[in-house]
Amino acid sequence: MYAEVHEVQKLSPTLLRVVLAGGTLDAFEGSPATDAYINAQFLPQESPVVVPFDSADLDGLDPQLRPKPRRFTIRQWDADQRHLAIDFVSHGDDGYAGSWANRAQPGDRLQFSGPGGSYRPSPHVDWHLFAGDESAFGAIGASLEVLPANAHALVFAIVDSPAHEIDFPSNAQVTVRWLYRNGADNPDLVLPNAVASADFPDGTFDVFVHGEAAEVRAIRKHLVAERGVDLNTASISPYWRRKHTDEDWRRVKRSWMAEQLQDV
């Protein structure tokens, strides 16, 4: 499946929303999951491959020129207009996905498969806990948008500075606690410490915690050991790891996840 860039919106200095349309999106079927994702294939700039492509087009191709698979959350699927919105964290020319989004122009094409996904806020709890960085904002935003007006949510969101804050539209009663890396003595601990020191509302709650690996791991350990969270009903997972490229993280993620299981 593939689609073309319809529009690029700058949400913050480092967060871009790419709206896709056309291509084969008429055949796309949305997912009820609010962490729904696509598996996208990003072509290096020097690659001779053209979207759409199939496996035969990649035969004998130098590995450096082959498409780079990346998983991205669907921020919004508009079934009426057949528009698919994906949020990208971009740091200029670093990486394949963010740099693609940074260069994206109407008409550019992206090939992908999906959607996958499993999380949706539970209607059977008293409130909802969300925590994460820019990489999780797509899923957090999509989750907040489906909450009814009588729902309550507490969001811990970490960014570089106040200039990087974004809107989280919702009909629910939402409290967003913005946290900042810039100026912090230890930026890695800002998000975990904020969650650990917070006074949680009374009642039952569900959990969605995603983002940087070490931060997610620390929050996971706290929620299970100190807050009694049941991992069978929580959505907690790392999207990336500091000081690791996507390829580096893919190579060690399986063993890292196995080690995390020993925490609690």
Protein backbone atom coordinates (compact mmCIF):
# COMPACT_ATOMS: atom_id res chain seq x y z
CA MET A 1 0.00 0.00 0.00
CA TYR A 2 1.19 3.53 -0.64
CA ALA A 3 -0.04 7.11 -0.44
CA GLU A 4 1.11 10.59 -1.41
CA VAL A 5 1.93 13.54 0.79
CA HIS A 6 -1.08 15.86 0.84
CA GLU A 7 0.08 18.35 3.45
CA VAL A 8 2.86 18.92 5.99
CA GLN A 9 2.07 20.77 9.23
CA LYS A 10 4.68 22.01 11.69
CA LEU A 11 3.36 21.35 15.20
CA SER A 12 6.51 22.36 17.08
CA PRO A 13 10.18 23.01 16.31
CA THR A 14 10.79 19.24 16.14
CA LEU A 15 7.36 17.72 15.47
CA LEU A 16 5.84 17.47 11.99
CA ARG A 17 2.47 16.10 10.92
CA VAL A 18 2.41 14.58 7.45
CA VAL A 19 -1.04 14.05 5.99
CA LEU A 20 -1.18 11.33 3.34
CA ALA A 21 -3.85 10.93 0.65
CA GLY A 22 -4.43 9.22 -2.67
CA GLY A 23 -2.40 6.25 -3.79
CA THR A 24 -4.11 3.08 -2.58
CA LEU A 25 -5.73 4.61 0.52
CA ASP A 26 -9.17 3.77 -0.88
CA ALA A 27 -8.37 0.22 0.22
CA PHE A 28 -7.12 1.24 3.67
CA GLU A 29 -9.16 0.09 6.67
CA GLY A 30 -8.82 1.96 9.94
CA SER A 31 -8.32 0.37 13.34
CA PRO A 32 -10.25 0.96 16.58
CA ALA A 33 -6.91 0.98 18.43
CA THR A 34 -5.67 4.44 19.39
CA ASP A 35 -2.08 3.24 19.17
CA ALA A 36 -2.72 1.97 15.62
CA TYR A 37 0.42 2.06 13.51
CA ILE A 38 1.74 1.53 10.02
CA ASN A 39 4.96 -0.18 9.03
CA ALA A 40 6.48 2.36 6.66
CA GLN A 41 9.37 1.89 4.23
CA PHE A 42 11.68 4.90 3.94
CA LEU A 43 13.97 5.05 0.94
CA PRO A 44 17.47 6.51 1.27
CA GLN A 45 17.78 9.64 -0.87
CA GLU A 46 20.27 7.98 -3.21
CA SER A 47 18.17 4.82 -3.69
CA PRO A 48 17.06 4.06 -7.26
CA VAL A 49 13.85 2.41 -6.00
CA VAL A 50 10.58 4.17 -6.79
CA VAL A 51 7.31 3.88 -4.83
CA PRO A 52 5.34 1.67 -5.30
CA PHE A 53 7.79 -1.21 -5.36
CA ASP A 54 7.71 -4.94 -4.65
CA SER A 55 10.27 -7.45 -3.46
CA ALA A 56 11.49 -8.15 -6.99
CA ASP A 57 12.54 -4.51 -7.31
CA LEU A 58 14.91 -5.00 -4.38
CA ASP A 59 16.70 -8.08 -5.68
CA GLY A 60 20.46 -7.56 -5.72
CA LEU A 61 20.17 -4.05 -4.34
CA ASP A 62 22.96 -2.80 -2.08
CA PRO A 63 21.77 -2.95 1.56
CA GLN A 64 22.51 0.76 1.96
CA LEU A 65 20.01 1.52 -0.79
CA ARG A 66 17.20 -0.72 0.41
CA PRO A 67 14.09 0.67 2.12
CA LYS A 68 14.41 1.21 5.87
CA PRO A 69 11.41 -0.11 7.84
CA ARG A 70 10.04 2.06 10.62
CA ARG A 71 6.85 1.81 12.67
CA PHE A 72 4.77 4.95 13.12
CA THR A 73 1.58 5.63 15.04
CA ILE A 74 -1.44 6.83 13.12
CA ARG A 75 -2.39 10.17 14.60
CA GLN A 76 -5.67 10.34 12.72
CA TRP A 77 -7.51 8.46 10.01
CA ASP A 78 -10.24 10.44 8.24
CA ALA A 79 -12.32 7.75 6.56
CA ASP A 80 -14.49 10.29 4.74
CA GLN A 81 -11.65 12.21 3.10
CA ARG A 82 -9.35 9.16 3.06
CA HIS A 83 -6.59 11.14 4.78
CA LEU A 84 -3.99 9.49 7.00
CA ALA A 85 -2.07 11.72 9.43
CA ILE A 86 1.29 10.65 10.90
CA ASP A 87 3.37 12.69 13.37
CA PHE A 88 7.16 12.62 12.99
CA VAL A 89 9.91 13.75 15.34
CA SER A 90 12.44 15.48 13.11
CA HIS A 91 16.00 16.51 13.90
CA GLY A 92 17.03 17.80 10.51
CA ASP A 93 18.90 15.25 8.42
CA ASP A 94 19.32 12.68 11.22
CA GLY A 95 17.83 9.27 10.54
CA TYR A 96 15.64 8.14 7.66
CA ALA A 97 12.06 8.76 8.80
CA GLY A 98 12.47 12.17 10.41
CA SER A 99 14.62 13.47 7.57
CA TRP A 100 12.05 12.19 5.04
CA ALA A 101 9.30 14.09 6.84
CA ASN A 102 11.52 17.17 7.01
CA ARG A 103 11.93 17.10 3.21
CA ALA A 104 8.41 15.96 2.39
CA GLN A 105 6.53 17.85 -0.30
CA PRO A 106 3.04 17.32 -1.73
CA GLY A 107 3.16 14.45 -4.17
CA ASP A 108 5.99 12.58 -2.45
CA ARG A 109 5.11 8.94 -1.90
CA LEU A 110 5.38 6.62 1.09
CA GLN A 111 4.90 2.87 1.01
CA PHE A 112 3.62 1.01 4.07
CA SER A 113 1.60 -1.88 5.44
CA GLY A 114 -0.87 -2.09 8.30
CA PRO A 115 -2.49 -1.02 10.42
CA GLY A 116 -1.57 -2.84 13.61
CA GLY A 117 -2.25 -1.81 17.19
CA SER A 118 -3.87 -3.03 20.39
CA TYR A 119 -4.49 -0.23 22.90
CA ARG A 120 -7.64 1.79 23.39
CA PRO A 121 -8.57 3.57 26.64
CA SER A 122 -10.67 1.31 28.82
CA PRO A 123 -14.23 2.51 29.47
CA HIS A 124 -14.25 0.56 32.74
CA VAL A 125 -11.82 2.63 34.83
CA ASP A 126 -12.13 5.85 36.81
CA TRP A 127 -9.30 7.66 35.03
CA HIS A 128 -6.47 7.25 32.54
CA LEU A 129 -2.71 7.70 32.92
CA PHE A 130 -0.53 8.67 29.95
CA ALA A 131 3.21 9.33 29.97
CA GLY A 132 5.69 9.79 27.17
CA ASP A 133 7.79 12.00 24.94
CA GLU A 134 7.27 13.31 21.41
CA SER A 135 7.43 9.81 19.94
CA ALA A 136 4.30 8.89 21.91
CA PHE A 137 2.30 12.06 21.31
CA GLY A 138 0.52 10.61 18.29
CA ALA A 139 -0.94 7.74 20.29
CA ILE A 140 -1.61 9.90 23.34
CA GLY A 141 -3.39 12.48 21.21
CA ALA A 142 -5.46 9.85 19.42
CA SER A 143 -6.40 8.30 22.78
CA LEU A 144 -7.47 11.60 24.33
CA GLU A 145 -9.66 12.38 21.33
CA VAL A 146 -11.80 9.25 21.81
CA LEU A 147 -12.42 9.81 25.53
CA PRO A 148 -15.97 10.90 26.41
CA ALA A 149 -16.73 14.16 28.20
CA ASN A 150 -17.11 12.47 31.58
CA ALA A 151 -13.69 10.79 31.42
CA HIS A 152 -10.62 11.97 33.35
CA ALA A 153 -7.01 11.75 32.17
CA LEU A 154 -3.63 12.70 33.60
CA VAL A 155 -0.84 13.20 31.04
CA PHE A 156 2.89 13.51 31.74
CA ALA A 157 4.49 14.88 28.58
CA ILE A 158 8.19 15.68 28.23
CA VAL A 159 9.67 18.00 25.59
CA ASP A 160 12.78 20.18 25.26
CA SER A 161 11.16 23.47 26.35
CA PRO A 162 7.80 25.28 26.54
CA ALA A 163 8.21 26.18 22.86
CA HIS A 164 7.77 22.48 22.04
CA GLU A 165 4.38 22.04 23.70
CA ILE A 166 1.47 21.03 21.46
CA ASP A 167 -2.30 20.91 21.80
CA PHE A 168 -4.08 17.71 22.84
CA PRO A 169 -7.73 18.26 21.82
CA SER A 170 -10.22 16.26 23.86
CA ASN A 171 -13.78 16.39 25.14
CA ALA A 172 -12.60 14.74 28.36
CA GLN A 173 -11.32 16.39 31.51
CA VAL A 174 -7.58 16.29 30.86
CA THR A 175 -4.67 17.53 32.97
CA VAL A 176 -1.39 17.80 31.07
CA ARG A 177 1.80 18.18 33.11
CA TRP A 178 4.47 19.49 30.77
CA LEU A 179 8.04 18.60 31.66
CA TYR A 180 11.24 19.97 30.14
CA ARG A 181 14.64 18.47 29.41
CA ASN A 182 16.44 21.75 28.84
CA GLY A 183 17.95 23.04 32.05
CA ALA A 184 17.45 19.79 33.96
CA ASP A 185 20.43 18.40 35.90
CA ASN A 186 19.62 14.91 34.62
CA PRO A 187 17.15 15.04 31.71
CA ASP A 188 16.80 11.22 31.74
CA LEU A 189 15.12 11.34 35.15
CA VAL A 190 12.68 14.20 34.63
CA LEU A 191 9.78 12.10 33.36
CA PRO A 192 10.24 9.07 35.68
CA ASN A 193 10.64 11.31 38.74
CA ALA A 194 7.55 13.30 37.87
CA VAL A 195 5.42 10.18 37.63
CA ALA A 196 6.91 8.67 40.79
CA SER A 197 6.33 11.81 42.87
CA ALA A 198 2.81 12.55 41.61
CA ASP A 199 -0.34 12.28 43.66
CA PHE A 200 -2.59 10.07 41.59
CA PRO A 201 -6.36 10.56 41.57
CA ASP A 202 -8.42 8.06 43.53
CA GLY A 203 -9.97 5.09 41.81
CA THR A 204 -8.98 2.60 39.15
CA PHE A 205 -6.93 3.63 36.13
CA ASP A 206 -5.46 2.25 32.95
CA VAL A 207 -1.91 2.96 31.80
CA PHE A 208 -0.25 4.02 28.55
CA VAL A 209 3.50 4.69 28.87
CA HIS A 210 5.69 4.82 25.76
CA GLY A 211 8.82 6.65 24.63
CA GLU A 212 12.53 6.48 25.41
CA ALA A 213 13.62 3.04 26.66
CA ALA A 214 15.33 3.95 29.95
CA GLU A 215 12.57 6.37 30.93
CA VAL A 216 9.83 3.87 30.12
CA ARG A 217 11.65 1.15 32.06
CA ALA A 218 11.97 3.31 35.17
CA ILE A 219 8.29 4.28 35.04
CA ARG A 220 7.26 0.67 34.49
CA LYS A 221 9.22 -0.48 37.52
CA HIS A 222 7.69 2.23 39.70
CA LEU A 223 4.11 1.62 38.56
CA VAL A 224 4.31 -2.11 39.19
CA ALA A 225 6.31 -2.04 42.44
CA GLU A 226 4.81 1.07 44.04
CA ARG A 227 1.39 1.58 42.44
CA GLY A 228 0.29 -2.03 42.01
CA VAL A 229 -0.23 -1.77 38.25
CA ASP A 230 -1.06 -5.06 36.52
CA LEU A 231 1.18 -5.42 33.47
CA ASN A 232 -1.46 -7.59 31.82
CA THR A 233 -3.75 -4.59 31.52
CA ALA A 234 -1.14 -1.87 30.94
CA SER A 235 0.37 -0.64 27.67
CA ILE A 236 4.04 0.03 28.43
CA SER A 237 6.72 -0.19 25.76
CA PRO A 238 9.86 1.62 24.54
CA TYR A 239 9.80 3.22 21.10
CA TRP A 240 13.48 4.23 20.95
CA ARG A 241 16.68 4.34 23.02
CA ARG A 242 18.89 7.32 23.74
CA LYS A 243 22.34 7.24 22.08
CA HIS A 244 21.19 4.47 19.74
CA THR A 245 20.32 4.68 16.07
CA ASP A 246 17.16 2.87 14.98
CA GLU A 247 19.30 0.02 13.65
CA ASP A 248 21.33 -0.21 16.87
CA TRP A 249 18.16 -0.31 18.94
CA ARG A 250 16.59 -3.01 16.76
CA ARG A 251 19.64 -5.22 17.28
CA VAL A 252 19.52 -5.08 21.09
CA LYS A 253 15.82 -4.55 21.78
CA ARG A 254 14.94 -8.21 22.23
CA SER A 255 17.63 -8.78 24.88
CA TRP A 256 16.86 -5.43 26.50
CA MET A 257 13.18 -6.34 26.83
CA ALA A 258 14.13 -9.69 28.34
CA GLU A 259 16.26 -7.91 30.94
CA GLN A 260 13.39 -5.54 31.73
CA LEU A 261 11.18 -8.48 32.63
CA GLN A 262 13.52 -9.20 35.54
CA ASP A 263 12.91 -5.77 37.11
CA VAL A 264 9.55 -6.63 38.64
